[in-house]
């Protein structure tokens, strides 16, 4: 609840709206494509787990989750992974 205080005391902000989690997820998916056999399963499982946060944010906003997640993943695939990706997708 002390977001304003935290920003004033330590003005370092990270990307929001699940952008960090989707970036990590995309990186893990790319890594899993270069790994063979059952050793790729942990990469894929972690990638799916990291997508839970943006998916939950989309569900809480009441939007079409599948369409929103697809749009976000497309933006991250194109390199448009700025911090407000989820908010921009929800508004547009």
C-alpha atoms as a PDB file:
ATOM      1  CA  UNK A   1       0.000   0.000   0.000  1.00  0.00           C
ATOM      2  CA  UNK A   2       2.995   2.306   0.295  1.00  0.00           C
ATOM      3  CA  UNK A   3       3.694   2.492  -3.435  1.00  0.00           C
ATOM      4  CA  UNK A   4       4.132   6.271  -3.507  1.00  0.00           C
ATOM      5  CA  UNK A   5       6.538   6.157  -0.558  1.00  0.00           C
ATOM      6  CA  UNK A   6       8.555   3.350  -2.144  1.00  0.00           C
ATOM      7  CA  UNK A   7       8.845   5.211  -5.448  1.00  0.00           C
ATOM      8  CA  UNK A   8      10.036   8.362  -3.705  1.00  0.00           C
ATOM      9  CA  UNK A   9      12.567   6.532  -1.543  1.00  0.00           C
ATOM     10  CA  UNK A  10      13.882   4.189  -4.216  1.00  0.00           C
ATOM     11  CA  UNK A  11      12.846   5.345  -7.707  1.00  0.00           C
ATOM     12  CA  UNK A  12      13.812   2.152  -9.499  1.00  0.00           C
ATOM     13  CA  UNK A  13      10.858   0.656 -11.290  1.00  0.00           C
ATOM     14  CA  UNK A  14      10.617  -2.526 -13.274  1.00  0.00           C
ATOM     15  CA  UNK A  15       8.283  -3.270 -16.148  1.00  0.00           C
ATOM     16  CA  UNK A  16       4.711  -3.888 -15.059  1.00  0.00           C
ATOM     17  CA  UNK A  17       1.689  -5.663 -16.407  1.00  0.00           C
ATOM     18  CA  UNK A  18       3.401  -9.042 -16.619  1.00  0.00           C
ATOM     19  CA  UNK A  19       5.990  -7.829 -19.130  1.00  0.00           C
ATOM     20  CA  UNK A  20       8.914  -9.266 -17.191  1.00  0.00           C
ATOM     21  CA  UNK A  21       7.203 -12.616 -16.786  1.00  0.00           C
ATOM     22  CA  UNK A  22       6.343 -12.831 -20.481  1.00  0.00           C
ATOM     23  CA  UNK A  23       9.929 -11.978 -21.417  1.00  0.00           C
ATOM     24  CA  UNK A  24      11.246 -14.739 -19.169  1.00  0.00           C
ATOM     25  CA  UNK A  25       8.625 -17.113 -20.567  1.00  0.00           C
ATOM     26  CA  UNK A  26       9.593 -16.338 -24.176  1.00  0.00           C
ATOM     27  CA  UNK A  27      13.291 -16.816 -23.348  1.00  0.00           C
ATOM     28  CA  UNK A  28      12.598 -20.172 -21.714  1.00  0.00           C
ATOM     29  CA  UNK A  29      10.525 -21.294 -24.712  1.00  0.00           C
ATOM     30  CA  UNK A  30      13.411 -20.408 -27.047  1.00  0.00           C
ATOM     31  CA  UNK A  31      15.850 -22.291 -24.836  1.00  0.00           C
ATOM     32  CA  UNK A  32      13.594 -25.352 -24.731  1.00  0.00           C
ATOM     33  CA  UNK A  33      13.643 -25.568 -28.526  1.00  0.00           C
ATOM     34  CA  UNK A  34      17.417 -26.087 -28.430  1.00  0.00           C
ATOM     35  CA  UNK A  35      17.274 -28.813 -25.767  1.00  0.00           C
ATOM     36  CA  UNK A  36      16.544 -32.414 -26.726  1.00  0.00           C
ATOM     37  CA  UNK A  37      14.459 -35.092 -25.032  1.00  0.00           C
ATOM     38  CA  UNK A  38      12.884 -34.905 -21.624  1.00  0.00           C
ATOM     39  CA  UNK A  39      15.408 -32.311 -20.508  1.00  0.00           C
ATOM     40  CA  UNK A  40      13.317 -29.663 -22.279  1.00  0.00           C
ATOM     41  CA  UNK A  41      10.271 -30.296 -20.068  1.00  0.00           C
ATOM     42  CA  UNK A  42      11.434 -28.164 -17.116  1.00  0.00           C
ATOM     43  CA  UNK A  43      11.993 -25.213 -19.466  1.00  0.00           C
ATOM     44  CA  UNK A  44       8.522 -25.582 -20.944  1.00  0.00           C
ATOM     45  CA  UNK A  45       6.901 -26.014 -17.519  1.00  0.00           C
ATOM     46  CA  UNK A  46       8.621 -22.909 -16.148  1.00  0.00           C
ATOM     47  CA  UNK A  47       7.612 -20.935 -19.260  1.00  0.00           C
ATOM     48  CA  UNK A  48       3.970 -21.865 -18.713  1.00  0.00           C
ATOM     49  CA  UNK A  49       4.240 -20.986 -15.016  1.00  0.00           C
ATOM     50  CA  UNK A  50       5.593 -17.514 -15.775  1.00  0.00           C
ATOM     51  CA  UNK A  51       2.573 -16.835 -17.991  1.00  0.00           C
ATOM     52  CA  UNK A  52       0.244 -17.266 -14.999  1.00  0.00           C
ATOM     53  CA  UNK A  53       0.739 -13.705 -13.733  1.00  0.00           C
ATOM     54  CA  UNK A  54      -0.257 -11.843 -16.919  1.00  0.00           C
ATOM     55  CA  UNK A  55      -3.073 -14.363 -17.466  1.00  0.00           C
ATOM     56  CA  UNK A  56      -4.399 -13.679 -13.953  1.00  0.00           C
ATOM     57  CA  UNK A  57      -4.191  -9.923 -14.525  1.00  0.00           C
ATOM     58  CA  UNK A  58      -6.200 -10.312 -17.725  1.00  0.00           C
ATOM     59  CA  UNK A  59      -8.800 -12.485 -15.996  1.00  0.00           C
ATOM     60  CA  UNK A  60      -9.182  -9.942 -13.208  1.00  0.00           C
ATOM     61  CA  UNK A  61      -9.769  -7.190 -15.777  1.00  0.00           C
ATOM     62  CA  UNK A  62     -12.607  -9.157 -17.352  1.00  0.00           C
ATOM     63  CA  UNK A  63     -11.242  -9.272 -20.890  1.00  0.00           C
ATOM     64  CA  UNK A  64     -11.006 -12.172 -23.306  1.00  0.00           C
ATOM     65  CA  UNK A  65      -7.988 -13.959 -21.832  1.00  0.00           C
ATOM     66  CA  UNK A  66      -7.054 -15.969 -24.915  1.00  0.00           C
ATOM     67  CA  UNK A  67      -7.150 -12.954 -27.229  1.00  0.00           C
ATOM     68  CA  UNK A  68      -5.209 -10.800 -24.750  1.00  0.00           C
ATOM     69  CA  UNK A  69      -2.504 -13.406 -24.089  1.00  0.00           C
ATOM     70  CA  UNK A  70      -2.096 -14.013 -27.824  1.00  0.00           C
ATOM     71  CA  UNK A  71      -1.702 -10.276 -28.446  1.00  0.00           C
ATOM     72  CA  UNK A  72       0.843  -9.974 -25.629  1.00  0.00           C
ATOM     73  CA  UNK A  73       2.869 -12.935 -26.850  1.00  0.00           C
ATOM     74  CA  UNK A  74       2.823 -11.428 -30.329  1.00  0.00           C
ATOM     75  CA  UNK A  75       4.150  -8.126 -28.994  1.00  0.00           C
ATOM     76  CA  UNK A  76       6.931  -9.911 -27.159  1.00  0.00           C
ATOM     77  CA  UNK A  77       7.797 -11.939 -30.252  1.00  0.00           C
ATOM     78  CA  UNK A  78       8.152  -8.670 -32.214  1.00  0.00           C
ATOM     79  CA  UNK A  79      10.397  -7.150 -29.559  1.00  0.00           C
ATOM     80  CA  UNK A  80       7.748  -4.722 -28.304  1.00  0.00           C
ATOM     81  CA  UNK A  81       8.073  -5.906 -24.719  1.00  0.00           C
ATOM     82  CA  UNK A  82       7.704  -2.564 -22.972  1.00  0.00           C
ATOM     83  CA  UNK A  83       6.443  -2.439 -19.411  1.00  0.00           C
ATOM     84  CA  UNK A  84       2.850  -1.517 -20.048  1.00  0.00           C
ATOM     85  CA  UNK A  85       2.174  -4.158 -22.687  1.00  0.00           C
ATOM     86  CA  UNK A  86      -0.796  -5.607 -20.833  1.00  0.00           C
ATOM     87  CA  UNK A  87      -2.373  -2.240 -20.119  1.00  0.00           C
ATOM     88  CA  UNK A  88      -1.983  -1.101 -23.724  1.00  0.00           C
ATOM     89  CA  UNK A  89      -3.505  -4.350 -24.960  1.00  0.00           C
ATOM     90  CA  UNK A  90      -6.426  -4.077 -22.558  1.00  0.00           C
ATOM     91  CA  UNK A  91      -7.182  -0.482 -23.498  1.00  0.00           C
ATOM     92  CA  UNK A  92      -6.874  -0.912 -27.259  1.00  0.00           C
END
